[in-house]
Amino acid sequence: MAIAGLVFQKLVVLFLIMGVGIFLTHKEIFTKDVTFRLSKLLTTYVAPSLFVSSFISQDFSLQRLYLLLIMIGFAFFLLITRIVLVKFLLADDRNMDQYATLFANVGFMGTPLAEAVGGANAVFFISGFVVANQIMQWTYGIFLISNGKTKINFRSVLTNPAMIATVIGLLFFVAPFDLPVELTDTVATIAKLNTPLSTLVLGSYFYKANFKEIFLYKPAYYSAFLRLFVTSAISIFMIWLLPVDAYDMKLALTIASSSPTAMNAALLSQVYGGDYEYGSRLVLLTTVLSLVSIPLMMSLAATLYL
């Protein structure tokens, strides 16, 4: 149960940093333009540098490469299982609710939490989940949001920063040489910006939200329950059955599976014709409720395998 207590402690820290983000937005330091630019900085450079750093900080071994490939494959398996499950739990016309249930905020919430709890080892493995999550969001996710009206752009799948960073990091991981320490330290220093910046930006989204709309729309709670408890618990039981003895990998899988709704529920819906405002409310609602749900899910995981 110690892991659940540690996760709760780290979550409280993240929420306090979000509070600072709310304060900075209130003081008009985080304006709409500043928040947009910080989000672009995070997704294009800072978060990718974290993945690269997690790879180059590891000593290469075939065993770790094998576990990373298992991580990616199992992440796809979990996401596909969710798709099948959600078809039975949500009506076909509730596209945004389906998206919010399927896809977790592995980038802005899961990765900082994994880094805080498990360090570079957990980030190394959670990058594998990010690969699967990105591919599924930019294919099936966009299909859902646009109600089947948008063609899948595979170029966007392959050229998004998270994918590129993972490939670069993987190449350095298997390379038969070490990079200069000056370079690795530079990448690691930039990577350290990920947790504070992403959490501050997330706080700025809370400031702009109408809390009555977030917390008083009852149907949203069903989707939040599915995302935070039902699909997370099922994923944890499936991770428990995974016949691999690798603590860091299972920790990363658990955190990724238990994270709140992906920010893309708001961002992609704005681009592809989905209900942007409802997507934003689902992101914020599940993020708030995750302060309770993630420690509970980690307690379940600790009982079974962590």
C-alpha atoms as a PDB file:
ATOM      1  CA  MET A   1       0.000   0.000   0.000  1.00  0.00           C
ATOM      2  CA  ALA A   2       3.053   2.273   0.311  1.00  0.00           C
ATOM      3  CA  ILE A   3       2.952   2.935  -3.438  1.00  0.00           C
ATOM      4  CA  ALA A   4      -0.604   4.306  -3.159  1.00  0.00           C
ATOM      5  CA  GLY A   5       0.478   6.714  -0.431  1.00  0.00           C
ATOM      6  CA  LEU A   6       3.449   7.868  -2.498  1.00  0.00           C
ATOM      7  CA  VAL A   7       1.243   8.377  -5.558  1.00  0.00           C
ATOM      8  CA  PHE A   8      -1.257  10.382  -3.508  1.00  0.00           C
ATOM      9  CA  GLN A   9       1.556  12.562  -2.153  1.00  0.00           C
ATOM     10  CA  LYS A  10       2.857  13.246  -5.661  1.00  0.00           C
ATOM     11  CA  LEU A  11      -0.673  13.944  -6.910  1.00  0.00           C
ATOM     12  CA  VAL A  12      -1.185  16.528  -4.155  1.00  0.00           C
ATOM     13  CA  VAL A  13       2.032  18.244  -5.272  1.00  0.00           C
ATOM     14  CA  LEU A  14       0.811  18.275  -8.886  1.00  0.00           C
ATOM     15  CA  PHE A  15      -2.539  19.739  -7.845  1.00  0.00           C
ATOM     16  CA  LEU A  16      -0.805  22.435  -5.797  1.00  0.00           C
ATOM     17  CA  ILE A  17       1.257  23.344  -8.862  1.00  0.00           C
ATOM     18  CA  MET A  18      -2.015  23.497 -10.816  1.00  0.00           C
ATOM     19  CA  GLY A  19      -3.182  25.954  -8.184  1.00  0.00           C
ATOM     20  CA  VAL A  20      -0.164  28.122  -8.961  1.00  0.00           C
ATOM     21  CA  GLY A  21      -1.170  27.928 -12.635  1.00  0.00           C
ATOM     22  CA  ILE A  22      -4.660  29.149 -11.713  1.00  0.00           C
ATOM     23  CA  PHE A  23      -3.148  32.018  -9.715  1.00  0.00           C
ATOM     24  CA  LEU A  24      -0.817  33.041 -12.561  1.00  0.00           C
ATOM     25  CA  THR A  25      -3.752  33.014 -14.972  1.00  0.00           C
ATOM     26  CA  HIS A  26      -5.790  35.131 -12.571  1.00  0.00           C
ATOM     27  CA  LYS A  27      -2.898  37.617 -12.445  1.00  0.00           C
ATOM     28  CA  GLU A  28      -2.900  37.642 -16.283  1.00  0.00           C
ATOM     29  CA  ILE A  29       0.677  36.367 -16.402  1.00  0.00           C
ATOM     30  CA  PHE A  30      -0.645  33.281 -18.153  1.00  0.00           C
ATOM     31  CA  THR A  31      -2.663  34.942 -20.895  1.00  0.00           C
ATOM     32  CA  LYS A  32      -4.364  32.959 -23.641  1.00  0.00           C
ATOM     33  CA  ASP A  33      -1.405  33.575 -25.952  1.00  0.00           C
ATOM     34  CA  VAL A  34       1.147  32.614 -23.279  1.00  0.00           C
ATOM     35  CA  THR A  35      -0.726  29.403 -22.455  1.00  0.00           C
ATOM     36  CA  PHE A  36      -0.942  28.510 -26.143  1.00  0.00           C
ATOM     37  CA  ARG A  37       2.785  29.074 -26.629  1.00  0.00           C
ATOM     38  CA  LEU A  38       3.673  27.104 -23.510  1.00  0.00           C
ATOM     39  CA  SER A  39       1.473  24.219 -24.688  1.00  0.00           C
ATOM     40  CA  LYS A  40       3.278  24.258 -28.023  1.00  0.00           C
ATOM     41  CA  LEU A  41       6.648  24.371 -26.268  1.00  0.00           C
ATOM     42  CA  LEU A  42       5.654  21.411 -24.113  1.00  0.00           C
ATOM     43  CA  THR A  43       4.256  19.175 -26.823  1.00  0.00           C
ATOM     44  CA  THR A  44       6.894  20.014 -29.442  1.00  0.00           C
ATOM     45  CA  TYR A  45      10.104  20.182 -27.404  1.00  0.00           C
ATOM     46  CA  VAL A  46       9.937  19.640 -23.640  1.00  0.00           C
ATOM     47  CA  ALA A  47       7.880  16.418 -23.422  1.00  0.00           C
ATOM     48  CA  PRO A  48       9.772  14.839 -26.358  1.00  0.00           C
ATOM     49  CA  SER A  49      13.075  15.699 -24.652  1.00  0.00           C
ATOM     50  CA  LEU A  50      11.851  13.797 -21.582  1.00  0.00           C
ATOM     51  CA  PHE A  51      11.369  10.658 -23.666  1.00  0.00           C
ATOM     52  CA  VAL A  52      14.775  11.062 -25.329  1.00  0.00           C
ATOM     53  CA  SER A  53      16.388  11.636 -21.930  1.00  0.00           C
ATOM     54  CA  SER A  54      14.757   8.532 -20.471  1.00  0.00           C
ATOM     55  CA  PHE A  55      16.247   6.429 -23.289  1.00  0.00           C
ATOM     56  CA  ILE A  56      19.778   7.842 -23.255  1.00  0.00           C
ATOM     57  CA  SER A  57      19.986   7.515 -19.468  1.00  0.00           C
ATOM     58  CA  GLN A  58      19.518   3.735 -19.757  1.00  0.00           C
ATOM     59  CA  ASP A  59      22.183   1.125 -20.338  1.00  0.00           C
ATOM     60  CA  PHE A  60      21.275  -0.962 -23.376  1.00  0.00           C
ATOM     61  CA  SER A  61      20.251  -4.565 -22.890  1.00  0.00           C
ATOM     62  CA  LEU A  62      18.232  -6.928 -25.027  1.00  0.00           C
ATOM     63  CA  GLN A  63      16.055  -7.614 -22.000  1.00  0.00           C
ATOM     64  CA  ARG A  64      15.037  -3.935 -21.656  1.00  0.00           C
ATOM     65  CA  LEU A  65      14.404  -3.659 -25.400  1.00  0.00           C
ATOM     66  CA  TYR A  66      12.291  -6.807 -25.222  1.00  0.00           C
ATOM     67  CA  LEU A  67      10.285  -5.375 -22.298  1.00  0.00           C
ATOM     68  CA  LEU A  68       9.758  -2.080 -24.147  1.00  0.00           C
ATOM     69  CA  LEU A  69       8.350  -3.928 -27.164  1.00  0.00           C
ATOM     70  CA  ILE A  70       6.074  -5.900 -24.846  1.00  0.00           C
ATOM     71  CA  MET A  71       4.986  -2.582 -23.318  1.00  0.00           C
ATOM     72  CA  ILE A  72       4.022  -1.172 -26.715  1.00  0.00           C
ATOM     73  CA  GLY A  73       2.224  -4.324 -27.800  1.00  0.00           C
ATOM     74  CA  PHE A  74       0.356  -4.671 -24.517  1.00  0.00           C
ATOM     75  CA  ALA A  75      -0.638  -0.996 -24.606  1.00  0.00           C
ATOM     76  CA  PHE A  76      -2.262  -1.584 -28.012  1.00  0.00           C
ATOM     77  CA  PHE A  77      -3.989  -4.648 -26.588  1.00  0.00           C
ATOM     78  CA  LEU A  78      -5.391  -2.658 -23.633  1.00  0.00           C
ATOM     79  CA  LEU A  79      -6.652   0.134 -25.901  1.00  0.00           C
ATOM     80  CA  ILE A  80      -8.310  -2.265 -28.346  1.00  0.00           C
ATOM     81  CA  THR A  81      -9.935  -4.090 -25.429  1.00  0.00           C
ATOM     82  CA  ARG A  82     -11.325  -0.758 -24.212  1.00  0.00           C
ATOM     83  CA  ILE A  83     -12.773  -0.016 -27.652  1.00  0.00           C
ATOM     84  CA  VAL A  84     -14.708  -3.285 -27.582  1.00  0.00           C
ATOM     85  CA  LEU A  85     -15.832  -2.724 -23.989  1.00  0.00           C
ATOM     86  CA  VAL A  86     -16.936   0.877 -24.544  1.00  0.00           C
ATOM     87  CA  LYS A  87     -19.139  -0.215 -27.458  1.00  0.00           C
ATOM     88  CA  PHE A  88     -21.281  -2.063 -24.923  1.00  0.00           C
ATOM     89  CA  LEU A  89     -21.211   0.631 -22.226  1.00  0.00           C
ATOM     90  CA  LEU A  90     -21.884   3.809 -24.231  1.00  0.00           C
ATOM     91  CA  ALA A  91     -24.331   4.609 -27.018  1.00  0.00           C
ATOM     92  CA  ASP A  92     -22.926   5.061 -30.521  1.00  0.00           C
ATOM     93  CA  ASP A  93     -23.994   8.714 -30.628  1.00  0.00           C
ATOM     94  CA  ARG A  94     -21.948   9.589 -27.515  1.00  0.00           C
ATOM     95  CA  ASN A  95     -18.714   9.952 -29.455  1.00  0.00           C
ATOM     96  CA  MET A  96     -17.022  12.390 -27.085  1.00  0.00           C
ATOM     97  CA  ASP A  97     -17.833  10.212 -24.076  1.00  0.00           C
ATOM     98  CA  GLN A  98     -16.349   7.214 -25.877  1.00  0.00           C
ATOM     99  CA  TYR A  99     -13.174   9.147 -26.663  1.00  0.00           C
ATOM    100  CA  ALA A 100     -12.897  10.419 -23.074  1.00  0.00           C
ATOM    101  CA  THR A 101     -13.286   6.890 -21.730  1.00  0.00           C
ATOM    102  CA  LEU A 102     -10.807   5.310 -24.121  1.00  0.00           C
ATOM    103  CA  PHE A 103      -7.865   7.688 -24.013  1.00  0.00           C
ATOM    104  CA  ALA A 104      -5.936   8.742 -20.923  1.00  0.00           C
ATOM    105  CA  ASN A 105      -3.828  11.835 -20.325  1.00  0.00           C
ATOM    106  CA  VAL A 106      -0.533   9.959 -20.436  1.00  0.00           C
ATOM    107  CA  GLY A 107       1.428  13.021 -21.547  1.00  0.00           C
ATOM    108  CA  PHE A 108       0.322  15.852 -19.232  1.00  0.00           C
ATOM    109  CA  MET A 109      -0.594  13.698 -16.209  1.00  0.00           C
ATOM    110  CA  GLY A 110       0.676  10.135 -16.533  1.00  0.00           C
ATOM    111  CA  THR A 111       4.256  10.942 -17.537  1.00  0.00           C
ATOM    112  CA  PRO A 112       4.887  13.565 -14.798  1.00  0.00           C
ATOM    113  CA  LEU A 113       3.399  11.177 -12.237  1.00  0.00           C
ATOM    114  CA  ALA A 114       5.468   8.258 -13.530  1.00  0.00           C
ATOM    115  CA  GLU A 115       8.594  10.419 -13.368  1.00  0.00           C
ATOM    116  CA  ALA A 116       7.797  11.513  -9.807  1.00  0.00           C
ATOM    117  CA  VAL A 117       7.078   7.974  -8.593  1.00  0.00           C
ATOM    118  CA  GLY A 118       9.358   5.759 -10.684  1.00  0.00           C
ATOM    119  CA  GLY A 119      11.999   8.078 -12.144  1.00  0.00           C
ATOM    120  CA  ALA A 120      13.687   7.570 -15.509  1.00  0.00           C
ATOM    121  CA  ASN A 121      12.927   3.837 -15.564  1.00  0.00           C
ATOM    122  CA  ALA A 122       9.175   4.438 -15.422  1.00  0.00           C
ATOM    123  CA  VAL A 123       9.394   7.182 -18.078  1.00  0.00           C
ATOM    124  CA  PHE A 124      11.384   4.812 -20.306  1.00  0.00           C
ATOM    125  CA  PHE A 125       8.513   2.335 -20.281  1.00  0.00           C
ATOM    126  CA  ILE A 126       5.639   4.818 -20.294  1.00  0.00           C
ATOM    127  CA  SER A 127       7.040   6.171 -23.576  1.00  0.00           C
ATOM    128  CA  GLY A 128       5.970   2.849 -25.072  1.00  0.00           C
ATOM    129  CA  PHE A 129       2.397   3.472 -23.944  1.00  0.00           C
ATOM    130  CA  VAL A 130       2.614   6.979 -25.417  1.00  0.00           C
ATOM    131  CA  VAL A 131       3.460   5.454 -28.814  1.00  0.00           C
ATOM    132  CA  ALA A 132       0.341   3.272 -28.764  1.00  0.00           C
ATOM    133  CA  ASN A 133      -1.816   6.036 -27.302  1.00  0.00           C
ATOM    134  CA  GLN A 134      -0.725   8.557 -29.946  1.00  0.00           C
ATOM    135  CA  ILE A 135      -1.314   6.178 -32.848  1.00  0.00           C
ATOM    136  CA  MET A 136      -4.772   5.204 -31.599  1.00  0.00           C
ATOM    137  CA  GLN A 137      -5.786   8.813 -30.831  1.00  0.00           C
ATOM    138  CA  TRP A 138      -4.723  10.069 -34.254  1.00  0.00           C
ATOM    139  CA  THR A 139      -6.520   7.241 -36.063  1.00  0.00           C
ATOM    140  CA  TYR A 140      -9.522   5.766 -34.261  1.00  0.00           C
ATOM    141  CA  GLY A 141      -9.781   8.784 -31.951  1.00  0.00           C
ATOM    142  CA  ILE A 142     -10.138  11.264 -34.806  1.00  0.00           C
ATOM    143  CA  PHE A 143     -12.602   8.908 -36.503  1.00  0.00           C
ATOM    144  CA  LEU A 144     -14.701   9.014 -33.308  1.00  0.00           C
ATOM    145  CA  ILE A 145     -14.550  12.773 -32.808  1.00  0.00           C
ATOM    146  CA  SER A 146     -15.392  13.595 -36.407  1.00  0.00           C
ATOM    147  CA  ASN A 147     -18.145  10.948 -36.477  1.00  0.00           C
ATOM    148  CA  GLY A 148     -16.404   9.181 -39.338  1.00  0.00           C
ATOM    149  CA  LYS A 149     -16.210  12.300 -41.525  1.00  0.00           C
ATOM    150  CA  THR A 150     -12.428  12.799 -41.368  1.00  0.00           C
ATOM    151  CA  LYS A 151      -9.966  10.607 -43.222  1.00  0.00           C
ATOM    152  CA  ILE A 152      -7.090   9.233 -41.200  1.00  0.00           C
ATOM    153  CA  ASN A 153      -3.880  11.185 -41.772  1.00  0.00           C
ATOM    154  CA  PHE A 154      -1.129   8.644 -41.183  1.00  0.00           C
ATOM    155  CA  ARG A 155       1.500  11.295 -41.807  1.00  0.00           C
ATOM    156  CA  SER A 156       0.335  13.065 -38.640  1.00  0.00           C
ATOM    157  CA  VAL A 157       0.643   9.783 -36.769  1.00  0.00           C
ATOM    158  CA  LEU A 158       4.249   9.278 -37.827  1.00  0.00           C
ATOM    159  CA  THR A 159       5.436  12.880 -37.609  1.00  0.00           C
ATOM    160  CA  ASN A 160       4.039  14.012 -34.258  1.00  0.00           C
ATOM    161  CA  PRO A 161       6.780  15.031 -31.767  1.00  0.00           C
ATOM    162  CA  ALA A 162       6.175  12.183 -29.303  1.00  0.00           C
ATOM    163  CA  MET A 163       6.659   9.558 -32.023  1.00  0.00           C
ATOM    164  CA  ILE A 164       9.761  11.255 -33.410  1.00  0.00           C
ATOM    165  CA  ALA A 165      11.288  11.595 -29.931  1.00  0.00           C
ATOM    166  CA  THR A 166      10.629   7.936 -29.138  1.00  0.00           C
ATOM    167  CA  VAL A 167      12.312   6.828 -32.366  1.00  0.00           C
ATOM    168  CA  ILE A 168      15.313   9.116 -31.722  1.00  0.00           C
ATOM    169  CA  GLY A 169      15.565   7.904 -28.142  1.00  0.00           C
ATOM    170  CA  LEU A 170      15.335   4.275 -29.241  1.00  0.00           C
ATOM    171  CA  LEU A 171      18.124   4.786 -31.797  1.00  0.00           C
ATOM    172  CA  PHE A 172      20.390   6.268 -29.126  1.00  0.00           C
ATOM    173  CA  PHE A 173      19.398   3.482 -26.743  1.00  0.00           C
ATOM    174  CA  VAL A 174      20.606   0.754 -29.132  1.00  0.00           C
ATOM    175  CA  ALA A 175      23.598   2.737 -30.450  1.00  0.00           C
ATOM    176  CA  PRO A 176      26.978   1.140 -29.575  1.00  0.00           C
ATOM    177  CA  PHE A 177      28.385   4.399 -28.169  1.00  0.00           C
ATOM    178  CA  ASP A 178      27.700   6.918 -25.415  1.00  0.00           C
ATOM    179  CA  LEU A 179      26.738  10.507 -26.133  1.00  0.00           C
ATOM    180  CA  PRO A 180      28.883  13.314 -24.652  1.00  0.00           C
ATOM    181  CA  VAL A 181      27.883  14.060 -21.084  1.00  0.00           C
ATOM    182  CA  GLU A 182      27.363  17.725 -21.969  1.00  0.00           C
ATOM    183  CA  LEU A 183      24.677  16.745 -24.469  1.00  0.00           C
ATOM    184  CA  THR A 184      22.923  14.259 -22.194  1.00  0.00           C
ATOM    185  CA  ASP A 185      22.922  16.773 -19.323  1.00  0.00           C
ATOM    186  CA  THR A 186      21.436  19.448 -21.604  1.00  0.00           C
ATOM    187  CA  VAL A 187      18.600  17.154 -22.717  1.00  0.00           C
ATOM    188  CA  ALA A 188      17.998  16.014 -19.132  1.00  0.00           C
ATOM    189  CA  THR A 189      17.820  19.614 -17.898  1.00  0.00           C
ATOM    190  CA  ILE A 190      15.246  20.560 -20.531  1.00  0.00           C
ATOM    191  CA  ALA A 191      13.309  17.385 -19.699  1.00  0.00           C
ATOM    192  CA  LYS A 192      13.001  18.500 -16.069  1.00  0.00           C
ATOM    193  CA  LEU A 193      10.755  21.340 -17.248  1.00  0.00           C
ATOM    194  CA  ASN A 194       8.046  18.856 -18.246  1.00  0.00           C
ATOM    195  CA  THR A 195       6.376  18.318 -14.879  1.00  0.00           C
ATOM    196  CA  PRO A 196       6.172  21.946 -13.667  1.00  0.00           C
ATOM    197  CA  LEU A 197       5.264  23.416 -17.064  1.00  0.00           C
ATOM    198  CA  SER A 198       2.644  20.826 -18.007  1.00  0.00           C
ATOM    199  CA  THR A 199       1.011  21.089 -14.578  1.00  0.00           C
ATOM    200  CA  LEU A 200       1.005  24.902 -14.629  1.00  0.00           C
ATOM    201  CA  VAL A 201      -0.609  24.881 -18.079  1.00  0.00           C
ATOM    202  CA  LEU A 202      -3.212  22.383 -16.901  1.00  0.00           C
ATOM    203  CA  GLY A 203      -3.990  24.771 -14.035  1.00  0.00           C
ATOM    204  CA  SER A 204      -4.580  27.579 -16.515  1.00  0.00           C
ATOM    205  CA  TYR A 205      -7.298  25.460 -18.152  1.00  0.00           C
ATOM    206  CA  PHE A 206      -9.058  25.177 -14.797  1.00  0.00           C
ATOM    207  CA  TYR A 207      -9.153  28.941 -14.386  1.00  0.00           C
ATOM    208  CA  LYS A 208     -11.039  29.359 -17.655  1.00  0.00           C
ATOM    209  CA  ALA A 209     -13.589  26.666 -16.831  1.00  0.00           C
ATOM    210  CA  ASN A 210     -17.178  27.111 -15.716  1.00  0.00           C
ATOM    211  CA  PHE A 211     -17.251  24.890 -12.633  1.00  0.00           C
ATOM    212  CA  LYS A 212     -21.046  24.673 -12.597  1.00  0.00           C
ATOM    213  CA  GLU A 213     -20.984  23.183 -16.090  1.00  0.00           C
ATOM    214  CA  ILE A 214     -18.194  20.789 -15.096  1.00  0.00           C
ATOM    215  CA  PHE A 215     -19.658  19.409 -11.890  1.00  0.00           C
ATOM    216  CA  LEU A 216     -23.423  19.668 -12.401  1.00  0.00           C
ATOM    217  CA  TYR A 217     -23.793  17.761 -15.691  1.00  0.00           C
ATOM    218  CA  LYS A 218     -24.686  14.296 -14.429  1.00  0.00           C
ATOM    219  CA  PRO A 219     -24.082  12.248 -17.633  1.00  0.00           C
ATOM    220  CA  ALA A 220     -20.418  13.278 -17.512  1.00  0.00           C
ATOM    221  CA  TYR A 221     -19.994  11.413 -14.234  1.00  0.00           C
ATOM    222  CA  TYR A 222     -20.833   8.126 -15.919  1.00  0.00           C
ATOM    223  CA  SER A 223     -18.076   8.673 -18.478  1.00  0.00           C
ATOM    224  CA  ALA A 224     -15.697   9.731 -15.697  1.00  0.00           C
ATOM    225  CA  PHE A 225     -16.587   6.558 -13.760  1.00  0.00           C
ATOM    226  CA  LEU A 226     -15.842   4.443 -16.835  1.00  0.00           C
ATOM    227  CA  ARG A 227     -12.509   6.186 -17.473  1.00  0.00           C
ATOM    228  CA  LEU A 228     -11.228   6.334 -13.915  1.00  0.00           C
ATOM    229  CA  PHE A 229     -12.595   3.150 -12.368  1.00  0.00           C
ATOM    230  CA  VAL A 230     -14.064   0.590 -14.783  1.00  0.00           C
ATOM    231  CA  THR A 231     -11.500   0.602 -17.624  1.00  0.00           C
ATOM    232  CA  SER A 232      -8.662   1.261 -15.157  1.00  0.00           C
ATOM    233  CA  ALA A 233      -9.606  -1.701 -12.950  1.00  0.00           C
ATOM    234  CA  ILE A 234      -9.999  -4.011 -15.946  1.00  0.00           C
ATOM    235  CA  SER A 235      -6.593  -2.884 -17.242  1.00  0.00           C
ATOM    236  CA  ILE A 236      -5.026  -3.571 -13.831  1.00  0.00           C
ATOM    237  CA  PHE A 237      -6.418  -7.112 -13.774  1.00  0.00           C
ATOM    238  CA  MET A 238      -5.045  -7.670 -17.285  1.00  0.00           C
ATOM    239  CA  ILE A 239      -1.632  -6.303 -16.231  1.00  0.00           C
ATOM    240  CA  TRP A 240      -1.745  -8.694 -13.254  1.00  0.00           C
ATOM    241  CA  LEU A 241      -2.219 -11.605 -15.675  1.00  0.00           C
ATOM    242  CA  LEU A 242       0.678 -10.450 -17.879  1.00  0.00           C
ATOM    243  CA  PRO A 243       3.339 -13.163 -17.404  1.00  0.00           C
ATOM    244  CA  VAL A 244       6.264 -10.749 -17.139  1.00  0.00           C
ATOM    245  CA  ASP A 245       8.231  -9.974 -13.987  1.00  0.00           C
ATOM    246  CA  ALA A 246       9.115  -6.302 -14.547  1.00  0.00           C
ATOM    247  CA  TYR A 247       8.157  -3.859 -11.780  1.00  0.00           C
ATOM    248  CA  ASP A 248       8.976  -0.619 -13.644  1.00  0.00           C
ATOM    249  CA  MET A 249       7.051  -1.682 -16.735  1.00  0.00           C
ATOM    250  CA  LYS A 250       3.968  -2.687 -14.741  1.00  0.00           C
ATOM    251  CA  LEU A 251       4.169   0.536 -12.718  1.00  0.00           C
ATOM    252  CA  ALA A 252       4.216   2.578 -15.945  1.00  0.00           C
ATOM    253  CA  LEU A 253       1.341   0.546 -17.416  1.00  0.00           C
ATOM    254  CA  THR A 254      -0.720   1.051 -14.264  1.00  0.00           C
ATOM    255  CA  ILE A 255      -0.189   4.822 -14.110  1.00  0.00           C
ATOM    256  CA  ALA A 256      -0.888   5.215 -17.833  1.00  0.00           C
ATOM    257  CA  SER A 257      -4.062   3.136 -17.568  1.00  0.00           C
ATOM    258  CA  SER A 258      -5.355   5.040 -14.514  1.00  0.00           C
ATOM    259  CA  SER A 259      -4.756   8.596 -15.739  1.00  0.00           C
ATOM    260  CA  PRO A 260      -7.671  10.984 -16.398  1.00  0.00           C
ATOM    261  CA  THR A 261      -9.069  11.820 -19.838  1.00  0.00           C
ATOM    262  CA  ALA A 262      -6.568  12.917 -22.485  1.00  0.00           C
ATOM    263  CA  MET A 263      -6.201  16.636 -23.204  1.00  0.00           C
ATOM    264  CA  ASN A 264      -6.806  15.778 -26.860  1.00  0.00           C
ATOM    265  CA  ALA A 265     -10.488  15.288 -26.014  1.00  0.00           C
ATOM    266  CA  ALA A 266     -10.559  19.080 -26.076  1.00  0.00           C
ATOM    267  CA  LEU A 267      -7.752  19.890 -28.492  1.00  0.00           C
ATOM    268  CA  LEU A 268      -8.602  17.455 -31.310  1.00  0.00           C
ATOM    269  CA  SER A 269     -12.345  18.058 -31.035  1.00  0.00           C
ATOM    270  CA  GLN A 270     -11.714  21.744 -31.679  1.00  0.00           C
ATOM    271  CA  VAL A 271      -9.896  20.848 -34.901  1.00  0.00           C
ATOM    272  CA  TYR A 272     -12.069  17.976 -36.145  1.00  0.00           C
ATOM    273  CA  GLY A 273     -15.578  19.192 -35.373  1.00  0.00           C
ATOM    274  CA  GLY A 274     -16.271  17.528 -32.047  1.00  0.00           C
ATOM    275  CA  ASP A 275     -17.925  19.042 -28.995  1.00  0.00           C
ATOM    276  CA  TYR A 276     -14.916  21.045 -27.763  1.00  0.00           C
ATOM    277  CA  GLU A 277     -16.603  22.497 -24.665  1.00  0.00           C
ATOM    278  CA  TYR A 278     -17.909  19.135 -23.464  1.00  0.00           C
ATOM    279  CA  GLY A 279     -14.510  17.543 -24.139  1.00  0.00           C
ATOM    280  CA  SER A 280     -12.856  20.224 -22.007  1.00  0.00           C
ATOM    281  CA  ARG A 281     -15.320  19.616 -19.175  1.00  0.00           C
ATOM    282  CA  LEU A 282     -14.630  15.869 -19.240  1.00  0.00           C
ATOM    283  CA  VAL A 283     -10.874  16.509 -19.074  1.00  0.00           C
ATOM    284  CA  LEU A 284     -11.239  18.784 -16.061  1.00  0.00           C
ATOM    285  CA  LEU A 285     -13.804  16.612 -14.267  1.00  0.00           C
ATOM    286  CA  THR A 286     -11.729  13.433 -14.568  1.00  0.00           C
ATOM    287  CA  THR A 287      -8.569  15.323 -13.581  1.00  0.00           C
ATOM    288  CA  VAL A 288     -10.172  16.514 -10.330  1.00  0.00           C
ATOM    289  CA  LEU A 289     -11.643  13.088  -9.540  1.00  0.00           C
ATOM    290  CA  SER A 290      -8.302  11.389 -10.295  1.00  0.00           C
ATOM    291  CA  LEU A 291      -6.996  12.718  -6.964  1.00  0.00           C
ATOM    292  CA  VAL A 292      -9.195  10.010  -5.423  1.00  0.00           C
ATOM    293  CA  SER A 293      -9.298   7.393  -8.188  1.00  0.00           C
ATOM    294  CA  ILE A 294      -5.581   7.033  -8.960  1.00  0.00           C
ATOM    295  CA  PRO A 295      -4.548   6.191  -5.352  1.00  0.00           C
ATOM    296  CA  LEU A 296      -7.424   3.678  -5.195  1.00  0.00           C
ATOM    297  CA  MET A 297      -6.344   2.048  -8.460  1.00  0.00           C
ATOM    298  CA  MET A 298      -2.711   2.013  -7.307  1.00  0.00           C
ATOM    299  CA  SER A 299      -3.850   0.321  -4.064  1.00  0.00           C
ATOM    300  CA  LEU A 300      -5.552  -2.362  -6.136  1.00  0.00           C
ATOM    301  CA  ALA A 301      -2.422  -2.785  -8.238  1.00  0.00           C
ATOM    302  CA  ALA A 302      -0.242  -2.922  -5.095  1.00  0.00           C
ATOM    303  CA  THR A 303      -2.408  -5.715  -3.732  1.00  0.00           C
ATOM    304  CA  LEU A 304      -2.033  -7.723  -6.933  1.00  0.00           C
ATOM    305  CA  TYR A 305       1.480  -7.102  -8.274  1.00  0.00           C
ATOM    306  CA  LEU A 306       3.263  -3.858  -7.304  1.00  0.00           C
END
